[in-house]
Amino acid sequence: MRIGVFTALYQQFDFEEALDKAVAAGVSAVEIGVGGYPGSQHCRVDDLLAGAGERRAFLDAIQSRGLLLSALSVHNNPLHPDAAVARQADEDLCRAIRLAQGLGVPVVNGFSGLPAGAPGDTMPNWVTCPWPPEFLQMLDYQWNEVAVPYWRELEPYAAEHGVKIAFEMHPGMLVYNVETMLRLRAATGPALGCNFDPSHLWWNGVDAAAAVRALGEAIFHVHGKDCYVDPINVRVNGCNDHKPYDHILERAWTFRTIGYGHDAAVWKELLSALRLVGYDYVISIEHEDALMSNDEGLAKAIALLKEVVMVEQPGEMFWA
């Protein structure tokens, strides 16, 4: 496996400066945003789509530094009830798919999106329980009338371009856990899978290693991010928490640098599970730790991953 970084961490730097920062930090892969929430600070999407020379220069800048481009990322909501928002998200996603093909990148990361609860609603609605009974009606509409038809059409589009779509299983989206991920994949096709980010699963009480084993070949890409679940606050209010991320002392959970939410033993179990299901690609660090600077958080994450990431040699497996 390779250790990489999502370059949204370096959004204040231009493209080549960001690559130099990644190399200096000690990673060997980068994930680059091409629209949606991460934006496209390091990627001129239209220029790259327009010319093979532009794409070659872009890849040369990455590969000449010994880096692999692991994924393109476009996190948005193509199922949004606002038609203009949904249309822009769909366009960004389709452009990302075409660009990934042109660059030889196998995967585009994003979200499943989240529809409204009913026709005519103006905002997305995330349902987390089956009662009152209208919640089940909302889920039926979201799945069967919006999400499955959209992704059933887009899945073959991605497959035709030789690209896989990897959903981050994220609370607040229709696909937020193993069950919903596998449900949408079964209803659409094998070009849809997941970008496995354990941080969102841990605060929902999920055993990340068990989730990996359940997902198996549906894992296309992995984010390296940790989460600290505050046992005192959880005992009082539970895990669901909509307080701002910077209210760390009062929150039930908060994103942390790898090793500051779960120790090396947990990460070893997680990486071992990934190896068991055949994943041998990239662990792309996504730094969102408000208690550490970007450079400090990334350095600590890399140090722990270097301790726990396994590399494979013919006939044997050992710790890097």
Foldseek 3Di string as FASTA:
>chain_A
DWAAAELLLVLVDEQLVSLVVRVVLPGAEYEAEQEAPSHHRHHPLVVLLVDLVVLVVSVCSQVVSNHHHAEYEYAAALQELPPVRNVVSVVSVLSRLLSCLSNVHAEYEYALHFYPQDPPDHGGDADDDCPPVSSVVSVCCGPVVTRLVVQLVVQVVSVVSNHAYAHELAPVGQRNALVSQVVSCVSHHLSYAHAYECARVVLVVDLLLVRLLSRQPRHRHYEQWHKAFDVVLCVPPNRDDDDDQVVVVNHRMHIAQPCPRDHLVSVLSNLVSCVVSPDDGYHYYYDDHPVDRSSVSSSVNVVSCLQRHWDDDVPDIDRD
